PDB file of N, CA and C in Angstrom:
ATOM      1  N   UNK A   1     -35.569 -25.745  17.693  1.00  0.00           N
ATOM      2  CA  UNK A   1     -35.428 -24.939  18.018  1.00  0.00           C
ATOM      3  C   UNK A   1     -34.906 -24.269  16.619  1.00  0.00           C
ATOM      4  N   UNK A   2     -34.906 -22.098  16.949  1.00  0.00           N
ATOM      5  CA  UNK A   2     -34.505 -21.704  15.087  1.00  0.00           C
ATOM      6  C   UNK A   2     -33.010 -22.120  15.128  1.00  0.00           C
ATOM      7  N   UNK A   3     -32.369 -22.407  15.478  1.00  0.00           N
ATOM      8  CA  UNK A   3     -30.947 -22.850  15.230  1.00  0.00           C
ATOM      9  C   UNK A   3     -30.638 -24.019  14.326  1.00  0.00           C
ATOM     10  N   UNK A   4     -32.262 -24.948  14.659  1.00  0.00           N
ATOM     11  CA  UNK A   4     -31.805 -26.108  13.636  1.00  0.00           C
ATOM     12  C   UNK A   4     -32.586 -26.135  12.416  1.00  0.00           C
ATOM     13  N   UNK A   5     -33.536 -25.050  12.203  1.00  0.00           N
ATOM     14  CA  UNK A   5     -33.751 -24.882  10.520  1.00  0.00           C
ATOM     15  C   UNK A   5     -33.069 -23.612   9.927  1.00  0.00           C
ATOM     16  N   UNK A   6     -31.571 -23.158  10.877  1.00  0.00           N
ATOM     17  CA  UNK A   6     -30.950 -22.361   9.876  1.00  0.00           C
ATOM     18  C   UNK A   6     -29.764 -23.278   9.420  1.00  0.00           C
ATOM     19  N   UNK A   7     -29.607 -24.559   9.948  1.00  0.00           N
ATOM     20  CA  UNK A   7     -28.475 -25.297  10.055  1.00  0.00           C
ATOM     21  C   UNK A   7     -28.853 -26.490   9.204  1.00  0.00           C
ATOM     22  N   UNK A   8     -29.648 -26.399   8.769  1.00  0.00           N
ATOM     23  CA  UNK A   8     -30.321 -28.047   7.839  1.00  0.00           C
ATOM     24  C   UNK A   8     -28.994 -28.265   6.850  1.00  0.00           C
ATOM     25  N   UNK A   9     -28.540 -29.763   6.925  1.00  0.00           N
ATOM     26  CA  UNK A   9     -27.342 -29.993   6.291  1.00  0.00           C
ATOM     27  C   UNK A   9     -25.991 -29.667   6.387  1.00  0.00           C
ATOM     28  N   UNK A  10     -25.644 -28.917   6.992  1.00  0.00           N
ATOM     29  CA  UNK A  10     -24.396 -28.585   8.159  1.00  0.00           C
ATOM     30  C   UNK A  10     -24.013 -29.192   9.293  1.00  0.00           C
ATOM     31  N   UNK A  11     -23.029 -29.148   9.195  1.00  0.00           N
ATOM     32  CA  UNK A  11     -22.372 -30.012  10.880  1.00  0.00           C
ATOM     33  C   UNK A  11     -22.365 -28.851  12.404  1.00  0.00           C
ATOM     34  N   UNK A  12     -23.101 -29.312  12.903  1.00  0.00           N
ATOM     35  CA  UNK A  12     -23.498 -28.554  14.085  1.00  0.00           C
ATOM     36  C   UNK A  12     -23.372 -29.254  15.401  1.00  0.00           C
ATOM     37  N   UNK A  13     -22.094 -29.493  15.778  1.00  0.00           N
ATOM     38  CA  UNK A  13     -21.259 -29.969  16.925  1.00  0.00           C
ATOM     39  C   UNK A  13     -21.831 -28.959  18.183  1.00  0.00           C
ATOM     40  N   UNK A  14     -22.133 -29.430  18.940  1.00  0.00           N
ATOM     41  CA  UNK A  14     -22.552 -28.956  20.493  1.00  0.00           C
ATOM     42  C   UNK A  14     -21.422 -29.236  21.121  1.00  0.00           C
ATOM     43  N   UNK A  15     -20.234 -28.533  22.163  1.00  0.00           N
ATOM     44  CA  UNK A  15     -19.197 -29.423  22.643  1.00  0.00           C
ATOM     45  C   UNK A  15     -18.644 -28.134  23.697  1.00  0.00           C
ATOM     46  N   UNK A  16     -18.172 -28.624  24.627  1.00  0.00           N
ATOM     47  CA  UNK A  16     -17.091 -27.481  25.519  1.00  0.00           C
ATOM     48  C   UNK A  16     -15.833 -27.458  25.545  1.00  0.00           C
ATOM     49  N   UNK A  17     -15.221 -28.006  23.747  1.00  0.00           N
ATOM     50  CA  UNK A  17     -13.969 -27.916  23.540  1.00  0.00           C
ATOM     51  C   UNK A  17     -13.186 -27.371  23.381  1.00  0.00           C
ATOM     52  N   UNK A  18     -13.620 -26.259  23.144  1.00  0.00           N
ATOM     53  CA  UNK A  18     -13.124 -24.906  22.285  1.00  0.00           C
ATOM     54  C   UNK A  18     -13.712 -23.539  23.614  1.00  0.00           C
ATOM     55  N   UNK A  19     -14.371 -24.115  24.787  1.00  0.00           N
ATOM     56  CA  UNK A  19     -15.201 -22.908  25.511  1.00  0.00           C
ATOM     57  C   UNK A  19     -13.616 -22.269  26.446  1.00  0.00           C
ATOM     58  N   UNK A  20     -12.839 -22.852  27.021  1.00  0.00           N
ATOM     59  CA  UNK A  20     -12.070 -22.378  27.550  1.00  0.00           C
ATOM     60  C   UNK A  20     -10.926 -21.068  26.794  1.00  0.00           C
ATOM     61  N   UNK A  21     -10.721 -21.617  25.265  1.00  0.00           N
ATOM     62  CA  UNK A  21      -9.701 -20.737  24.405  1.00  0.00           C
ATOM     63  C   UNK A  21     -10.750 -19.298  24.231  1.00  0.00           C
ATOM     64  N   UNK A  22     -12.154 -19.651  24.098  1.00  0.00           N
ATOM     65  CA  UNK A  22     -12.896 -18.330  23.793  1.00  0.00           C
ATOM     66  C   UNK A  22     -13.251 -17.772  24.825  1.00  0.00           C
ATOM     67  N   UNK A  23     -13.210 -18.250  26.276  1.00  0.00           N
ATOM     68  CA  UNK A  23     -13.524 -17.490  27.090  1.00  0.00           C
ATOM     69  C   UNK A  23     -12.504 -16.652  28.020  1.00  0.00           C
ATOM     70  N   UNK A  24     -11.029 -17.204  27.556  1.00  0.00           N
ATOM     71  CA  UNK A  24      -9.807 -16.701  27.403  1.00  0.00           C
ATOM     72  C   UNK A  24      -9.501 -15.575  26.581  1.00  0.00           C
ATOM     73  N   UNK A  25      -9.686 -15.765  25.249  1.00  0.00           N
ATOM     74  CA  UNK A  25     -10.128 -14.428  24.098  1.00  0.00           C
ATOM     75  C   UNK A  25     -10.488 -13.173  25.190  1.00  0.00           C
ATOM     76  N   UNK A  26     -11.886 -13.866  25.423  1.00  0.00           N
ATOM     77  CA  UNK A  26     -12.799 -12.180  26.167  1.00  0.00           C
ATOM     78  C   UNK A  26     -12.260 -11.810  26.853  1.00  0.00           C
ATOM     79  N   UNK A  27     -11.695 -12.310  27.981  1.00  0.00           N
ATOM     80  CA  UNK A  27     -11.147 -12.468  29.151  1.00  0.00           C
ATOM     81  C   UNK A  27      -9.995 -11.138  29.139  1.00  0.00           C
ATOM     82  N   UNK A  28      -8.763 -11.730  28.155  1.00  0.00           N
ATOM     83  CA  UNK A  28      -7.958 -11.029  27.452  1.00  0.00           C
ATOM     84  C   UNK A  28      -8.566  -9.401  26.718  1.00  0.00           C
ATOM     85  N   UNK A  29      -9.557  -9.674  25.593  1.00  0.00           N
ATOM     86  CA  UNK A  29      -9.758  -8.283  25.407  1.00  0.00           C
ATOM     87  C   UNK A  29     -11.081  -7.453  25.919  1.00  0.00           C
ATOM     88  N   UNK A  30     -11.485  -7.817  27.479  1.00  0.00           N
ATOM     89  CA  UNK A  30     -12.028  -6.955  28.316  1.00  0.00           C
ATOM     90  C   UNK A  30     -10.935  -6.441  28.807  1.00  0.00           C
ATOM     91  N   UNK A  31      -9.851  -7.349  29.557  1.00  0.00           N
ATOM     92  CA  UNK A  31      -8.841  -6.660  30.410  1.00  0.00           C
ATOM     93  C   UNK A  31      -7.584  -5.461  29.428  1.00  0.00           C
ATOM     94  N   UNK A  32      -7.504  -5.825  27.677  1.00  0.00           N
ATOM     95  CA  UNK A  32      -7.078  -5.125  27.484  1.00  0.00           C
ATOM     96  C   UNK A  32      -7.367  -3.614  27.392  1.00  0.00           C
ATOM     97  N   UNK A  33      -8.914  -4.114  26.479  1.00  0.00           N
ATOM     98  CA  UNK A  33      -9.518  -2.877  26.499  1.00  0.00           C
ATOM     99  C   UNK A  33      -9.966  -1.889  27.659  1.00  0.00           C
ATOM    100  N   UNK A  34      -9.413  -1.962  28.739  1.00  0.00           N
ATOM    101  CA  UNK A  34     -10.402  -1.200  29.603  1.00  0.00           C
ATOM    102  C   UNK A  34     -10.099  -0.470  29.811  1.00  0.00           C
ATOM    103  N   UNK A  35      -8.848  -0.172  29.167  1.00  0.00           N
ATOM    104  CA  UNK A  35      -7.820   1.494  29.526  1.00  0.00           C
ATOM    105  C   UNK A  35      -9.084   2.170  28.653  1.00  0.00           C
ATOM    106  N   UNK A  36     -10.178   2.126  27.928  1.00  0.00           N
ATOM    107  CA  UNK A  36     -10.915   2.763  27.710  1.00  0.00           C
ATOM    108  C   UNK A  36     -11.889   3.820  28.468  1.00  0.00           C
ATOM    109  N   UNK A  37     -11.814   2.874  29.358  1.00  0.00           N
ATOM    110  CA  UNK A  37     -12.713   3.272  30.958  1.00  0.00           C
ATOM    111  C   UNK A  37     -11.877   3.497  31.602  1.00  0.00           C
ATOM    112  N   UNK A  38     -11.802   4.503  32.911  1.00  0.00           N
ATOM    113  CA  UNK A  38     -11.011   4.537  33.713  1.00  0.00           C
ATOM    114  C   UNK A  38     -11.125   3.810  34.455  1.00  0.00           C
ATOM    115  N   UNK A  39     -10.227   2.404  34.637  1.00  0.00           N
ATOM    116  CA  UNK A  39      -9.500   1.883  36.048  1.00  0.00           C
ATOM    117  C   UNK A  39      -8.716   1.926  36.783  1.00  0.00           C
ATOM    118  N   UNK A  40      -8.245   1.682  37.713  1.00  0.00           N
ATOM    119  CA  UNK A  40      -7.307   1.736  38.193  1.00  0.00           C
ATOM    120  C   UNK A  40      -5.894   1.029  37.813  1.00  0.00           C
ATOM    121  N   UNK A  41      -6.119   0.277  37.438  1.00  0.00           N
ATOM    122  CA  UNK A  41      -5.171  -1.154  36.566  1.00  0.00           C
ATOM    123  C   UNK A  41      -5.003  -0.699  35.109  1.00  0.00           C
ATOM    124  N   UNK A  42      -5.576  -0.128  34.973  1.00  0.00           N
ATOM    125  CA  UNK A  42      -5.544  -0.082  33.169  1.00  0.00           C
ATOM    126  C   UNK A  42      -5.237   1.157  32.758  1.00  0.00           C
ATOM    127  N   UNK A  43      -5.680   2.476  33.665  1.00  0.00           N
ATOM    128  CA  UNK A  43      -5.691   3.427  33.195  1.00  0.00           C
ATOM    129  C   UNK A  43      -4.382   4.111  32.558  1.00  0.00           C
ATOM    130  N   UNK A  44      -4.428   4.622  31.105  1.00  0.00           N
ATOM    131  CA  UNK A  44      -3.408   5.441  30.724  1.00  0.00           C
ATOM    132  C   UNK A  44      -3.554   6.904  31.023  1.00  0.00           C
ATOM    133  N   UNK A  45      -2.470   7.720  31.356  1.00  0.00           N
ATOM    134  CA  UNK A  45      -2.119   8.768  31.780  1.00  0.00           C
ATOM    135  C   UNK A  45      -2.176   9.922  30.597  1.00  0.00           C
ATOM    136  N   UNK A  46      -1.432   9.121  28.876  1.00  0.00           N
ATOM    137  CA  UNK A  46      -1.330  10.122  28.054  1.00  0.00           C
ATOM    138  C   UNK A  46      -2.307   9.657  27.339  1.00  0.00           C
ATOM    139  N   UNK A  47      -2.747  10.791  26.054  1.00  0.00           N
ATOM    140  CA  UNK A  47      -2.973   9.925  24.854  1.00  0.00           C
ATOM    141  C   UNK A  47      -2.113   9.035  24.085  1.00  0.00           C
ATOM    142  N   UNK A  48      -0.886   9.352  24.440  1.00  0.00           N
ATOM    143  CA  UNK A  48       0.003   8.954  22.878  1.00  0.00           C
ATOM    144  C   UNK A  48       0.634   7.484  23.000  1.00  0.00           C
ATOM    145  N   UNK A  49       0.547   7.109  25.072  1.00  0.00           N
ATOM    146  CA  UNK A  49       0.499   5.313  25.659  1.00  0.00           C
ATOM    147  C   UNK A  49      -0.992   4.902  25.299  1.00  0.00           C
ATOM    148  N   UNK A  50      -2.254   5.531  25.441  1.00  0.00           N
ATOM    149  CA  UNK A  50      -3.442   4.777  25.421  1.00  0.00           C
ATOM    150  C   UNK A  50      -3.387   4.358  23.937  1.00  0.00           C
ATOM    151  N   UNK A  51      -3.088   5.037  22.832  1.00  0.00           N
ATOM    152  CA  UNK A  51      -2.714   4.883  21.533  1.00  0.00           C
ATOM    153  C   UNK A  51      -1.683   4.034  21.249  1.00  0.00           C
ATOM    154  N   UNK A  52      -0.670   3.716  21.571  1.00  0.00           N
ATOM    155  CA  UNK A  52       0.568   2.678  21.444  1.00  0.00           C
ATOM    156  C   UNK A  52       0.025   1.818  21.605  1.00  0.00           C
ATOM    157  N   UNK A  53      -0.947   1.510  22.640  1.00  0.00           N
ATOM    158  CA  UNK A  53      -0.877   0.274  24.097  1.00  0.00           C
ATOM    159  C   UNK A  53      -2.166  -0.252  23.093  1.00  0.00           C
ATOM    160  N   UNK A  54      -2.996   0.637  23.193  1.00  0.00           N
ATOM    161  CA  UNK A  54      -4.215  -0.353  21.775  1.00  0.00           C
ATOM    162  C   UNK A  54      -4.051  -0.673  20.380  1.00  0.00           C
ATOM    163  N   UNK A  55      -3.208   0.042  19.945  1.00  0.00           N
ATOM    164  CA  UNK A  55      -2.271  -0.155  18.432  1.00  0.00           C
ATOM    165  C   UNK A  55      -1.564  -1.263  18.809  1.00  0.00           C
ATOM    166  N   UNK A  56      -0.864  -1.478  19.643  1.00  0.00           N
ATOM    167  CA  UNK A  56      -0.124  -2.348  19.918  1.00  0.00           C
ATOM    168  C   UNK A  56      -0.767  -4.431  20.376  1.00  0.00           C
ATOM    169  N   UNK A  57      -1.963  -3.930  21.016  1.00  0.00           N
ATOM    170  CA  UNK A  57      -2.801  -4.620  21.474  1.00  0.00           C
ATOM    171  C   UNK A  57      -3.769  -5.392  19.608  1.00  0.00           C
ATOM    172  N   UNK A  58      -3.911  -4.150  18.739  1.00  0.00           N
ATOM    173  CA  UNK A  58      -4.419  -4.749  17.419  1.00  0.00           C
ATOM    174  C   UNK A  58      -3.770  -5.252  16.922  1.00  0.00           C
ATOM    175  N   UNK A  59      -2.436  -4.844  16.512  1.00  0.00           N
ATOM    176  CA  UNK A  59      -1.438  -5.444  15.516  1.00  0.00           C
ATOM    177  C   UNK A  59      -1.283  -7.066  16.251  1.00  0.00           C
ATOM    178  N   UNK A  60      -0.920  -6.924  16.982  1.00  0.00           N
ATOM    179  CA  UNK A  60      -0.887  -8.736  18.139  1.00  0.00           C
ATOM    180  C   UNK A  60      -1.865  -9.897  17.560  1.00  0.00           C
ATOM    181  N   UNK A  61      -3.233  -8.614  18.275  1.00  0.00           N
ATOM    182  CA  UNK A  61      -4.227 -10.317  17.537  1.00  0.00           C
ATOM    183  C   UNK A  61      -4.678 -10.418  16.458  1.00  0.00           C
ATOM    184  N   UNK A  62      -4.411  -9.141  15.490  1.00  0.00           N
ATOM    185  CA  UNK A  62      -5.138  -9.017  13.905  1.00  0.00           C
ATOM    186  C   UNK A  62      -4.188  -9.612  12.945  1.00  0.00           C
ATOM    187  N   UNK A  63      -2.527  -9.250  13.847  1.00  0.00           N
ATOM    188  CA  UNK A  63      -1.593  -9.455  12.877  1.00  0.00           C
ATOM    189  C   UNK A  63      -0.775 -10.664  12.551  1.00  0.00           C
ATOM    190  N   UNK A  64      -0.761 -11.255  13.640  1.00  0.00           N
ATOM    191  CA  UNK A  64      -0.134 -12.753  14.315  1.00  0.00           C
ATOM    192  C   UNK A  64      -0.464 -13.634  12.855  1.00  0.00           C
TER     193      UNK A  64
END
């Protein structure tokens, strides 16, 4: 396959070891950013609250 030619000489491990962690991160991201669309469980009634929640999420995820 194509990836084999791109990874010549590099270690490439096919494993499910980190799958749960990656999928959990993706789920958290979708759930926290769902407020960008109007969903009943994650809808922000005010722009100020929306900005605070998104800012808080980005602060936690990118600066820890």
